[in-house]
């Protein structure tokens, strides 16, 4: 336990000292929040209803998709994992500590966004604080699982960036962050169910009582809750199964293609909805 806590403290401090991590954790999402908050609330006053969960989710996406994969790939390529293996550090710690360390940073950002969104931009505060927190935890876990899986399965840093962008960009456009998915054309609405962001926003609406999107005021959105829970289990489970200590292991690994199984809950959601 002491070794785990020491490793966690080291990773957290690294996140503060590393400029690239500070950019993804704080500077980029917070600057985007203040720019979008000022612009969108003047152009579309209805954005105030979903601004807080949307910007919290945006921060999660930046940290989990744009940071976690590159951290894992970089550590593997530089031989850090080999040194961990020699010193007896378990693979579970290597995968879980970056997720937990990033979660602390995301907690800080979420508090800033929630307070500033309500006081500066008159954003709608969650009607149910406990539900909002639960939605935030599950949303972060879903994106963190995907980020870790990309970092494990990708054969290089370039590949991890490209794969992450395939999820990141559509999530911003179609995931309900900027505009409700309910106003999208029918075909795009179905495509949006392939994205974690759509289900995360439904969870914020239903559990947190925010906005006027799917699930708002309708209690627990069980469908989206099940999709995200299945995604978390599959993503972390596959990441653990596909984990490799060394880049010299057969690359690209044939097993890495199994990572696509993690998309199964979202594909099922798009078909069933």
Protein backbone atom coordinates (compact mmCIF):
# COMPACT_ATOMS: atom_id res chain seq x y z
CA UNK A 1 0.00 0.00 0.00
CA UNK A 2 2.85 2.39 0.82
CA UNK A 3 4.43 1.71 -2.55
CA UNK A 4 1.12 2.37 -4.30
CA UNK A 5 0.62 5.67 -2.46
CA UNK A 6 4.21 6.73 -3.20
CA UNK A 7 3.70 5.92 -6.88
CA UNK A 8 0.40 7.82 -6.87
CA UNK A 9 1.99 10.89 -5.23
CA UNK A 10 4.81 10.82 -7.78
CA UNK A 11 2.38 10.64 -10.69
CA UNK A 12 0.27 13.49 -9.28
CA UNK A 13 3.31 15.73 -8.83
CA UNK A 14 4.44 14.89 -12.34
CA UNK A 15 1.07 16.03 -13.63
CA UNK A 16 1.66 19.42 -11.98
CA UNK A 17 5.23 19.84 -13.21
CA UNK A 18 4.72 18.56 -16.76
CA UNK A 19 3.73 21.47 -19.01
CA UNK A 20 1.97 19.27 -21.54
CA UNK A 21 -0.18 17.73 -18.82
CA UNK A 22 -0.95 21.12 -17.32
CA UNK A 23 -2.08 22.21 -20.77
CA UNK A 24 -4.49 19.27 -21.12
CA UNK A 25 -5.63 19.27 -17.49
CA UNK A 26 -6.17 22.97 -16.85
CA UNK A 27 -5.19 25.55 -19.47
CA UNK A 28 -6.94 24.14 -22.53
CA UNK A 29 -10.29 23.12 -20.95
CA UNK A 30 -10.55 26.24 -18.78
CA UNK A 31 -9.69 28.68 -21.58
CA UNK A 32 -12.18 26.86 -23.80
CA UNK A 33 -14.77 27.06 -21.02
CA UNK A 34 -14.46 30.83 -20.60
CA UNK A 35 -14.41 31.47 -24.36
CA UNK A 36 -17.36 29.21 -25.09
CA UNK A 37 -19.20 30.38 -21.99
CA UNK A 38 -19.00 34.00 -23.08
CA UNK A 39 -19.81 33.29 -26.72
CA UNK A 40 -22.48 30.59 -26.50
CA UNK A 41 -24.50 32.21 -23.70
CA UNK A 42 -24.81 35.42 -25.75
CA UNK A 43 -25.65 33.62 -29.00
CA UNK A 44 -27.78 30.86 -27.48
CA UNK A 45 -29.10 31.64 -23.97
CA UNK A 46 -30.41 28.07 -23.75
CA UNK A 47 -26.82 26.88 -23.53
CA UNK A 48 -26.82 27.98 -19.89
CA UNK A 49 -28.99 24.95 -19.09
CA UNK A 50 -26.29 22.44 -20.06
CA UNK A 51 -23.12 24.52 -19.91
CA UNK A 52 -21.78 23.16 -16.62
CA UNK A 53 -22.02 19.40 -17.38
CA UNK A 54 -20.92 20.00 -21.00
CA UNK A 55 -17.76 21.83 -19.97
CA UNK A 56 -17.00 19.35 -17.19
CA UNK A 57 -17.34 16.55 -19.73
CA UNK A 58 -15.13 18.47 -22.18
CA UNK A 59 -12.39 18.60 -19.53
CA UNK A 60 -12.73 14.85 -18.95
CA UNK A 61 -12.37 14.23 -22.69
CA UNK A 62 -9.24 16.41 -22.92
CA UNK A 63 -7.57 14.61 -20.03
CA UNK A 64 -8.65 11.06 -20.87
CA UNK A 65 -8.36 11.09 -24.66
CA UNK A 66 -5.61 13.63 -25.31
CA UNK A 67 -3.39 12.86 -22.33
CA UNK A 68 -3.77 9.34 -20.93
CA UNK A 69 -2.95 7.42 -24.17
CA UNK A 70 0.20 9.46 -24.84
CA UNK A 71 1.39 9.03 -21.25
CA UNK A 72 1.06 5.24 -21.42
CA UNK A 73 2.55 4.92 -24.91
CA UNK A 74 5.44 7.23 -24.01
CA UNK A 75 6.23 5.30 -20.83
CA UNK A 76 6.18 1.99 -22.71
CA UNK A 77 8.36 3.25 -25.57
CA UNK A 78 10.90 4.86 -23.23
CA UNK A 79 11.37 1.65 -21.22
CA UNK A 80 9.67 2.89 -18.04
CA UNK A 81 7.42 -0.17 -17.98
CA UNK A 82 10.47 -2.45 -18.16
CA UNK A 83 12.00 -0.78 -15.14
CA UNK A 84 8.70 -1.08 -13.29
CA UNK A 85 8.59 -4.78 -14.10
CA UNK A 86 12.14 -5.29 -12.82
CA UNK A 87 11.24 -3.53 -9.57
CA UNK A 88 8.05 -5.56 -9.12
CA UNK A 89 5.45 -2.90 -9.91
CA UNK A 90 2.25 -4.72 -10.96
CA UNK A 91 0.54 -3.93 -14.25
CA UNK A 92 -2.63 -3.02 -12.36
CA UNK A 93 -0.82 -0.14 -10.66
CA UNK A 94 0.64 1.08 -13.94
CA UNK A 95 -2.83 1.30 -15.46
CA UNK A 96 -4.77 2.56 -12.45
CA UNK A 97 -2.44 5.22 -11.02
CA UNK A 98 -2.54 7.58 -14.06
CA UNK A 99 -6.33 7.26 -14.04
CA UNK A 100 -6.59 8.10 -10.34
CA UNK A 101 -4.03 10.91 -10.53
CA UNK A 102 -5.85 12.46 -13.46
CA UNK A 103 -9.14 12.11 -11.57
CA UNK A 104 -7.83 14.40 -8.80
CA UNK A 105 -6.94 17.06 -11.37
CA UNK A 106 -10.37 16.65 -12.97
CA UNK A 107 -12.05 17.11 -9.59
CA UNK A 108 -10.34 20.49 -9.27
CA UNK A 109 -11.34 21.51 -12.79
CA UNK A 110 -14.94 20.33 -12.26
CA UNK A 111 -15.24 22.47 -9.12
CA UNK A 112 -13.87 25.52 -10.96
CA UNK A 113 -16.21 25.01 -13.91
CA UNK A 114 -19.24 24.45 -11.68
CA UNK A 115 -18.63 27.52 -9.54
CA UNK A 116 -17.61 29.84 -12.38
CA UNK A 117 -20.38 28.58 -14.65
CA UNK A 118 -23.03 29.37 -12.07
CA UNK A 119 -21.67 32.71 -10.84
CA UNK A 120 -20.17 34.24 -14.00
CA UNK A 121 -22.40 32.88 -16.77
CA UNK A 122 -25.56 32.13 -14.75
CA UNK A 123 -25.36 28.48 -15.76
CA UNK A 124 -28.01 26.15 -14.40
CA UNK A 125 -26.83 24.46 -11.22
CA UNK A 126 -27.64 20.75 -10.82
CA UNK A 127 -30.95 20.10 -9.12
CA UNK A 128 -29.50 16.95 -7.55
CA UNK A 129 -25.88 17.38 -6.46
CA UNK A 130 -25.40 13.71 -5.59
CA UNK A 131 -26.76 12.65 -8.98
CA UNK A 132 -24.48 15.13 -10.72
CA UNK A 133 -21.45 13.73 -8.89
CA UNK A 134 -22.44 10.15 -9.77
CA UNK A 135 -22.86 11.12 -13.43
CA UNK A 136 -19.47 12.83 -13.39
CA UNK A 137 -17.75 9.80 -11.85
CA UNK A 138 -19.22 7.37 -14.36
CA UNK A 139 -18.55 9.72 -17.28
CA UNK A 140 -14.92 10.12 -16.28
CA UNK A 141 -14.55 6.37 -15.78
CA UNK A 142 -15.96 5.70 -19.26
CA UNK A 143 -13.57 8.09 -20.99
CA UNK A 144 -10.63 7.07 -18.81
CA UNK A 145 -11.23 3.42 -19.70
CA UNK A 146 -11.21 4.29 -23.40
CA UNK A 147 -8.06 6.38 -22.98
CA UNK A 148 -6.22 3.60 -21.15
CA UNK A 149 -7.30 1.05 -23.74
CA UNK A 150 -6.04 3.27 -26.57
CA UNK A 151 -2.73 3.71 -24.76
CA UNK A 152 -2.35 -0.06 -24.34
CA UNK A 153 -3.51 -1.09 -27.81
CA UNK A 154 -1.91 1.63 -29.95
CA UNK A 155 1.43 0.69 -31.47
CA UNK A 156 2.84 4.24 -31.38
CA UNK A 157 2.18 7.72 -30.07
CA UNK A 158 1.00 8.85 -33.49
CA UNK A 159 -1.51 6.01 -33.69
CA UNK A 160 -2.85 6.81 -30.22
CA UNK A 161 -3.42 10.46 -31.20
CA UNK A 162 -5.26 9.53 -34.40
CA UNK A 163 -7.49 6.98 -32.65
CA UNK A 164 -8.28 9.40 -29.81
CA UNK A 165 -9.21 12.14 -32.28
CA UNK A 166 -11.71 9.80 -33.96
CA UNK A 167 -13.65 9.84 -30.69
CA UNK A 168 -12.81 13.31 -29.40
CA UNK A 169 -13.89 15.48 -32.36
CA UNK A 170 -17.25 13.75 -33.10
CA UNK A 171 -18.03 13.81 -29.37
CA UNK A 172 -17.78 17.61 -29.31
CA UNK A 173 -19.89 18.05 -32.45
CA UNK A 174 -22.54 15.35 -32.03
CA UNK A 175 -22.38 14.38 -28.36
CA UNK A 176 -24.74 17.03 -27.00
CA UNK A 177 -22.07 19.34 -25.57
CA UNK A 178 -22.72 22.35 -27.82
CA UNK A 179 -26.25 21.60 -29.03
CA UNK A 180 -28.83 19.06 -27.79
CA UNK A 181 -28.80 15.79 -29.70
CA UNK A 182 -32.59 16.07 -29.96
CA UNK A 183 -32.30 18.78 -32.64
CA UNK A 184 -29.98 16.72 -34.84
CA UNK A 185 -31.35 15.03 -37.98
CA UNK A 186 -32.49 11.44 -37.46
CA UNK A 187 -29.42 9.85 -39.03
CA UNK A 188 -27.04 11.97 -36.96
CA UNK A 189 -29.00 11.21 -33.81
CA UNK A 190 -28.46 7.51 -34.38
CA UNK A 191 -24.75 8.10 -35.04
CA UNK A 192 -24.53 10.12 -31.83
CA UNK A 193 -25.42 7.01 -29.81
CA UNK A 194 -22.06 5.59 -30.93
CA UNK A 195 -20.37 8.28 -28.81
CA UNK A 196 -19.84 8.11 -25.04
CA UNK A 197 -20.58 11.84 -24.74
CA UNK A 198 -24.23 11.34 -25.74
CA UNK A 199 -24.79 8.87 -22.93
CA UNK A 200 -22.79 10.98 -20.46
CA UNK A 201 -24.96 14.03 -21.17
CA UNK A 202 -28.10 11.89 -20.80
CA UNK A 203 -26.76 10.81 -17.43
CA UNK A 204 -26.11 14.40 -16.34
CA UNK A 205 -29.60 15.37 -17.48
CA UNK A 206 -31.32 12.49 -15.75
CA UNK A 207 -29.32 12.15 -12.54
CA UNK A 208 -28.34 15.79 -12.10
CA UNK A 209 -31.64 17.25 -13.25
CA UNK A 210 -29.90 19.59 -15.71
CA UNK A 211 -31.03 20.82 -19.11
CA UNK A 212 -33.79 19.79 -21.41
CA UNK A 213 -32.11 16.95 -23.21
CA UNK A 214 -32.95 13.22 -23.25
CA UNK A 215 -33.55 11.98 -19.72
CA UNK A 216 -33.92 15.41 -18.12
CA UNK A 217 -36.36 15.21 -15.25
CA UNK A 218 -37.23 11.63 -16.16
CA UNK A 219 -35.33 9.91 -13.39
CA UNK A 220 -32.48 7.50 -13.98
CA UNK A 221 -31.63 7.01 -17.69
CA UNK A 222 -31.10 3.27 -17.33
CA UNK A 223 -30.23 2.72 -20.97
CA UNK A 224 -27.31 5.17 -21.00
CA UNK A 225 -26.28 4.05 -17.52
CA UNK A 226 -26.03 0.45 -18.73
CA UNK A 227 -24.10 1.44 -21.86
CA UNK A 228 -21.52 3.42 -19.89
CA UNK A 229 -21.18 0.76 -17.18
CA UNK A 230 -20.59 -1.92 -19.82
CA UNK A 231 -18.05 0.35 -21.52
CA UNK A 232 -16.11 0.85 -18.29
CA UNK A 233 -15.94 -2.89 -17.61
CA UNK A 234 -14.96 -3.80 -21.17
CA UNK A 235 -12.41 -1.00 -21.59
CA UNK A 236 -10.49 -1.63 -18.39
CA UNK A 237 -10.81 -5.40 -18.73
CA UNK A 238 -9.43 -5.36 -22.28
CA UNK A 239 -6.67 -2.93 -21.28
CA UNK A 240 -5.54 -5.34 -18.56
CA UNK A 241 -5.69 -8.31 -20.94
CA UNK A 242 -3.80 -6.57 -23.76
CA UNK A 243 -1.19 -4.84 -21.60
CA UNK A 244 2.41 -5.24 -22.79
CA UNK A 245 5.55 -4.36 -20.89
CA UNK A 246 7.76 -3.72 -23.88
CA UNK A 247 7.45 -2.27 -27.38
CA UNK A 248 9.69 -5.09 -28.58
CA UNK A 249 6.84 -7.54 -28.05
CA UNK A 250 5.30 -8.38 -31.40
CA UNK A 251 4.07 -5.07 -32.79
CA UNK A 252 1.47 -4.48 -33.91
CA UNK A 253 0.05 -7.14 -31.64
CA UNK A 254 -2.75 -9.17 -33.15
CA UNK A 255 -4.43 -9.09 -29.79
CA UNK A 256 -4.65 -5.30 -30.03
CA UNK A 257 -7.43 -5.69 -32.57
CA UNK A 258 -9.54 -7.13 -29.75
CA UNK A 259 -9.71 -3.59 -28.39
CA UNK A 260 -12.50 -2.91 -30.89
CA UNK A 261 -14.74 -5.08 -28.69
CA UNK A 262 -14.95 -2.12 -26.31
CA UNK A 263 -17.15 -0.38 -28.88
CA UNK A 264 -19.82 -3.09 -28.59
CA UNK A 265 -22.06 -1.27 -26.04
CA UNK A 266 -22.15 1.86 -28.21
CA UNK A 267 -22.84 -0.08 -31.41
CA UNK A 268 -25.68 -1.89 -29.62
CA UNK A 269 -27.01 1.46 -28.41
CA UNK A 270 -27.05 2.88 -31.93
CA UNK A 271 -28.91 -0.19 -33.22
CA UNK A 272 -31.44 -0.44 -30.41
CA UNK A 273 -32.36 3.23 -30.04
